[in-house]
Amino acid sequence: MAAPFVWTCHWCNEPIADDTGYITVDDTAALEATAAWERHEREEDEAAAARESRLAFTDMVKLRDVADKNPKIVWYPSHVACDPRRENPDYWIGVGRLRNLRDVLAVNDHLSTKRWTAHTDWPAFLLRTIGAAGDE
């Protein structure tokens, strides 16, 4: 059986016990990024309909520019006491719910139902944290 995942605080670099921390993301920023992207897509759809044409290569370049200007919102593990944003209503998941691969897959399934997670670095976060743990 694999050893449980040990989460390390982004701020103090110490392990996080089950009841002392979480992984967190600024979901307000992610929701704002989602809304901006959806507005942009509607505007592009309206412009394309007005031109009665399909998206051209130049339109795809514009979409890439929008994505580049909206970097992914970052997830990080933190002790409650260390988190500089602990007073803000960020989205968080207790590390006690993320101690093995099965736990992470269940949370991943849950997060896949939320549109705003597409504007976060969730896949990269998993590779950065879980992938690193697997290398040890």
C-alpha atoms as a PDB file:
ATOM      1  CA  MET A   1       0.000   0.000   0.000  1.00  0.00           C
ATOM      2  CA  ALA A   2       1.283   3.434  -0.930  1.00  0.00           C
ATOM      3  CA  ALA A   3       2.259   5.870   1.797  1.00  0.00           C
ATOM      4  CA  PRO A   4      -0.251   8.678   2.367  1.00  0.00           C
ATOM      5  CA  PHE A   5       0.398  11.971   0.630  1.00  0.00           C
ATOM      6  CA  VAL A   6       2.193  14.496   2.778  1.00  0.00           C
ATOM      7  CA  TRP A   7       1.192  18.048   1.936  1.00  0.00           C
ATOM      8  CA  THR A   8       3.781  20.773   2.519  1.00  0.00           C
ATOM      9  CA  CYS A   9       2.765  24.332   3.312  1.00  0.00           C
ATOM     10  CA  HIS A  10       3.526  26.783   0.536  1.00  0.00           C
ATOM     11  CA  TRP A  11       4.452  29.444   3.104  1.00  0.00           C
ATOM     12  CA  CYS A  12       6.475  27.735   5.867  1.00  0.00           C
ATOM     13  CA  ASN A  13       7.527  24.579   3.986  1.00  0.00           C
ATOM     14  CA  GLU A  14       6.405  22.332   6.873  1.00  0.00           C
ATOM     15  CA  PRO A  15       4.090  19.274   6.610  1.00  0.00           C
ATOM     16  CA  ILE A  16       0.363  19.906   7.044  1.00  0.00           C
ATOM     17  CA  ALA A  17      -1.567  17.703   9.496  1.00  0.00           C
ATOM     18  CA  ASP A  18      -5.167  16.792   8.664  1.00  0.00           C
ATOM     19  CA  ASP A  19      -6.909  19.415  10.791  1.00  0.00           C
ATOM     20  CA  THR A  20      -4.409  22.231  10.342  1.00  0.00           C
ATOM     21  CA  GLY A  21      -4.538  23.059   6.648  1.00  0.00           C
ATOM     22  CA  TYR A  22      -5.941  22.790   3.187  1.00  0.00           C
ATOM     23  CA  ILE A  23      -5.290  23.307  -0.470  1.00  0.00           C
ATOM     24  CA  THR A  24      -6.841  26.539  -1.609  1.00  0.00           C
ATOM     25  CA  VAL A  25      -7.484  28.744  -4.606  1.00  0.00           C
ATOM     26  CA  ASP A  26      -8.952  32.206  -5.096  1.00  0.00           C
ATOM     27  CA  ASP A  27     -12.255  31.070  -6.583  1.00  0.00           C
ATOM     28  CA  THR A  28     -13.497  34.662  -6.885  1.00  0.00           C
ATOM     29  CA  ALA A  29     -10.655  35.398  -9.301  1.00  0.00           C
ATOM     30  CA  ALA A  30     -11.378  32.136 -11.135  1.00  0.00           C
ATOM     31  CA  LEU A  31     -15.090  33.027 -11.409  1.00  0.00           C
ATOM     32  CA  GLU A  32     -14.156  36.472 -12.736  1.00  0.00           C
ATOM     33  CA  ALA A  33     -11.818  34.899 -15.302  1.00  0.00           C
ATOM     34  CA  THR A  34     -14.600  32.501 -16.340  1.00  0.00           C
ATOM     35  CA  ALA A  35     -17.064  35.371 -16.764  1.00  0.00           C
ATOM     36  CA  ALA A  36     -14.537  37.388 -18.800  1.00  0.00           C
ATOM     37  CA  TRP A  37     -13.821  34.399 -21.039  1.00  0.00           C
ATOM     38  CA  GLU A  38     -17.535  33.745 -21.572  1.00  0.00           C
ATOM     39  CA  ARG A  39     -18.112  37.446 -22.449  1.00  0.00           C
ATOM     40  CA  HIS A  40     -15.254  37.272 -24.931  1.00  0.00           C
ATOM     41  CA  GLU A  41     -16.643  34.089 -26.497  1.00  0.00           C
ATOM     42  CA  ARG A  42     -20.118  35.678 -26.840  1.00  0.00           C
ATOM     43  CA  GLU A  43     -18.608  38.769 -28.462  1.00  0.00           C
ATOM     44  CA  GLU A  44     -16.601  36.611 -30.856  1.00  0.00           C
ATOM     45  CA  ASP A  45     -19.677  34.508 -31.671  1.00  0.00           C
ATOM     46  CA  GLU A  46     -21.717  37.648 -32.354  1.00  0.00           C
ATOM     47  CA  ALA A  47     -18.954  39.084 -34.558  1.00  0.00           C
ATOM     48  CA  ALA A  48     -18.614  35.803 -36.463  1.00  0.00           C
ATOM     49  CA  ALA A  49     -22.390  35.613 -36.952  1.00  0.00           C
ATOM     50  CA  ALA A  50     -22.411  39.192 -38.208  1.00  0.00           C
ATOM     51  CA  ARG A  51     -19.705  38.302 -40.713  1.00  0.00           C
ATOM     52  CA  GLU A  52     -21.561  35.064 -41.512  1.00  0.00           C
ATOM     53  CA  SER A  53     -18.297  33.208 -41.490  1.00  0.00           C
ATOM     54  CA  ARG A  54     -16.378  30.693 -39.475  1.00  0.00           C
ATOM     55  CA  LEU A  55     -13.579  31.716 -37.138  1.00  0.00           C
ATOM     56  CA  ALA A  56     -10.514  32.555 -39.181  1.00  0.00           C
ATOM     57  CA  PHE A  57      -6.922  31.962 -38.110  1.00  0.00           C
ATOM     58  CA  THR A  58      -6.673  35.599 -37.012  1.00  0.00           C
ATOM     59  CA  ASP A  59      -9.667  35.037 -34.712  1.00  0.00           C
ATOM     60  CA  MET A  60      -7.871  32.054 -33.158  1.00  0.00           C
ATOM     61  CA  VAL A  61      -4.841  34.260 -32.522  1.00  0.00           C
ATOM     62  CA  LYS A  62      -7.157  36.715 -30.712  1.00  0.00           C
ATOM     63  CA  LEU A  63      -8.493  33.876 -28.536  1.00  0.00           C
ATOM     64  CA  ARG A  64      -4.930  32.871 -27.661  1.00  0.00           C
ATOM     65  CA  ASP A  65      -4.126  36.478 -26.761  1.00  0.00           C
ATOM     66  CA  VAL A  66      -7.088  36.560 -24.367  1.00  0.00           C
ATOM     67  CA  ALA A  67      -5.943  33.320 -22.747  1.00  0.00           C
ATOM     68  CA  ASP A  68      -2.399  34.662 -22.428  1.00  0.00           C
ATOM     69  CA  LYS A  69      -3.677  37.806 -20.711  1.00  0.00           C
ATOM     70  CA  ASN A  70      -5.635  35.704 -18.210  1.00  0.00           C
ATOM     71  CA  PRO A  71      -3.081  33.500 -16.466  1.00  0.00           C
ATOM     72  CA  LYS A  72      -4.265  30.519 -14.485  1.00  0.00           C
ATOM     73  CA  ILE A  73      -5.320  31.111 -10.885  1.00  0.00           C
ATOM     74  CA  VAL A  74      -2.907  29.191  -8.624  1.00  0.00           C
ATOM     75  CA  TRP A  75      -3.775  26.458  -6.116  1.00  0.00           C
ATOM     76  CA  TYR A  76      -1.481  26.040  -3.127  1.00  0.00           C
ATOM     77  CA  PRO A  77      -1.337  23.964   0.088  1.00  0.00           C
ATOM     78  CA  SER A  78      -1.294  25.961   3.288  1.00  0.00           C
ATOM     79  CA  HIS A  79      -1.601  25.745   7.035  1.00  0.00           C
ATOM     80  CA  VAL A  80      -4.615  27.766   8.127  1.00  0.00           C
ATOM     81  CA  ALA A  81      -2.309  29.812  10.357  1.00  0.00           C
ATOM     82  CA  CYS A  82       0.132  30.552   7.511  1.00  0.00           C
ATOM     83  CA  ASP A  83      -2.371  31.508   4.820  1.00  0.00           C
ATOM     84  CA  PRO A  84      -2.230  35.281   4.247  1.00  0.00           C
ATOM     85  CA  ARG A  85      -5.723  35.091   2.714  1.00  0.00           C
ATOM     86  CA  ARG A  86      -7.315  33.033   5.515  1.00  0.00           C
ATOM     87  CA  GLU A  87      -9.849  35.812   6.185  1.00  0.00           C
ATOM     88  CA  ASN A  88     -11.051  35.710   2.556  1.00  0.00           C
ATOM     89  CA  PRO A  89     -13.711  33.261   1.407  1.00  0.00           C
ATOM     90  CA  ASP A  90     -11.427  31.286  -0.907  1.00  0.00           C
ATOM     91  CA  TYR A  91     -12.326  27.787  -2.064  1.00  0.00           C
ATOM     92  CA  TRP A  92     -10.486  25.207   0.012  1.00  0.00           C
ATOM     93  CA  ILE A  93     -10.291  21.463   0.523  1.00  0.00           C
ATOM     94  CA  GLY A  94      -8.941  20.051   3.784  1.00  0.00           C
ATOM     95  CA  VAL A  95      -5.781  18.024   3.303  1.00  0.00           C
ATOM     96  CA  GLY A  96      -7.359  15.232   5.346  1.00  0.00           C
ATOM     97  CA  ARG A  97      -9.605  14.628   2.309  1.00  0.00           C
ATOM     98  CA  LEU A  98      -6.531  14.282   0.054  1.00  0.00           C
ATOM     99  CA  ARG A  99      -4.254  11.672   1.589  1.00  0.00           C
ATOM    100  CA  ASN A 100      -4.173   9.117  -1.234  1.00  0.00           C
ATOM    101  CA  LEU A 101      -4.728   8.805  -4.955  1.00  0.00           C
ATOM    102  CA  ARG A 102      -8.338   7.642  -4.534  1.00  0.00           C
ATOM    103  CA  ASP A 103      -9.087  10.782  -2.466  1.00  0.00           C
ATOM    104  CA  VAL A 104      -7.481  13.021  -5.081  1.00  0.00           C
ATOM    105  CA  LEU A 105      -9.414  11.344  -7.902  1.00  0.00           C
ATOM    106  CA  ALA A 106     -12.694  11.875  -6.016  1.00  0.00           C
ATOM    107  CA  VAL A 107     -11.911  15.564  -5.492  1.00  0.00           C
ATOM    108  CA  ASN A 108     -10.793  15.849  -9.115  1.00  0.00           C
ATOM    109  CA  ASP A 109     -14.146  14.401 -10.195  1.00  0.00           C
ATOM    110  CA  HIS A 110     -15.972  16.932  -8.002  1.00  0.00           C
ATOM    111  CA  LEU A 111     -13.917  19.867  -9.318  1.00  0.00           C
ATOM    112  CA  SER A 112     -14.501  18.796 -12.923  1.00  0.00           C
ATOM    113  CA  THR A 113     -18.144  19.841 -12.497  1.00  0.00           C
ATOM    114  CA  LYS A 114     -17.154  23.444 -11.739  1.00  0.00           C
ATOM    115  CA  ARG A 115     -16.601  25.634 -14.799  1.00  0.00           C
ATOM    116  CA  TRP A 116     -14.268  28.001 -12.988  1.00  0.00           C
ATOM    117  CA  THR A 117     -11.629  25.322 -12.378  1.00  0.00           C
ATOM    118  CA  ALA A 118     -10.682  25.566 -16.063  1.00  0.00           C
ATOM    119  CA  HIS A 119      -9.190  28.957 -15.202  1.00  0.00           C
ATOM    120  CA  THR A 120      -7.047  27.546 -12.406  1.00  0.00           C
ATOM    121  CA  ASP A 121      -3.825  25.583 -12.537  1.00  0.00           C
ATOM    122  CA  TRP A 122      -5.469  22.448 -11.040  1.00  0.00           C
ATOM    123  CA  PRO A 123      -3.856  19.915 -13.459  1.00  0.00           C
ATOM    124  CA  ALA A 124      -0.441  21.566 -13.089  1.00  0.00           C
ATOM    125  CA  PHE A 125      -0.928  21.717  -9.310  1.00  0.00           C
ATOM    126  CA  LEU A 126      -1.556  17.960  -9.221  1.00  0.00           C
ATOM    127  CA  LEU A 127       1.545  17.281 -11.310  1.00  0.00           C
ATOM    128  CA  ARG A 128       3.623  19.661  -9.193  1.00  0.00           C
ATOM    129  CA  THR A 129       2.516  18.222  -5.854  1.00  0.00           C
ATOM    130  CA  ILE A 130       1.333  14.645  -6.316  1.00  0.00           C
ATOM    131  CA  GLY A 131       3.851  13.985  -9.087  1.00  0.00           C
ATOM    132  CA  ALA A 132       6.695  15.188  -6.889  1.00  0.00           C
ATOM    133  CA  ALA A 133       5.519  12.966  -4.030  1.00  0.00           C
ATOM    134  CA  GLY A 134       5.596   9.971  -6.364  1.00  0.00           C
ATOM    135  CA  ASP A 135       9.213  10.664  -7.289  1.00  0.00           C
ATOM    136  CA  GLU A 136      10.419  10.308  -3.700  1.00  0.00           C
END
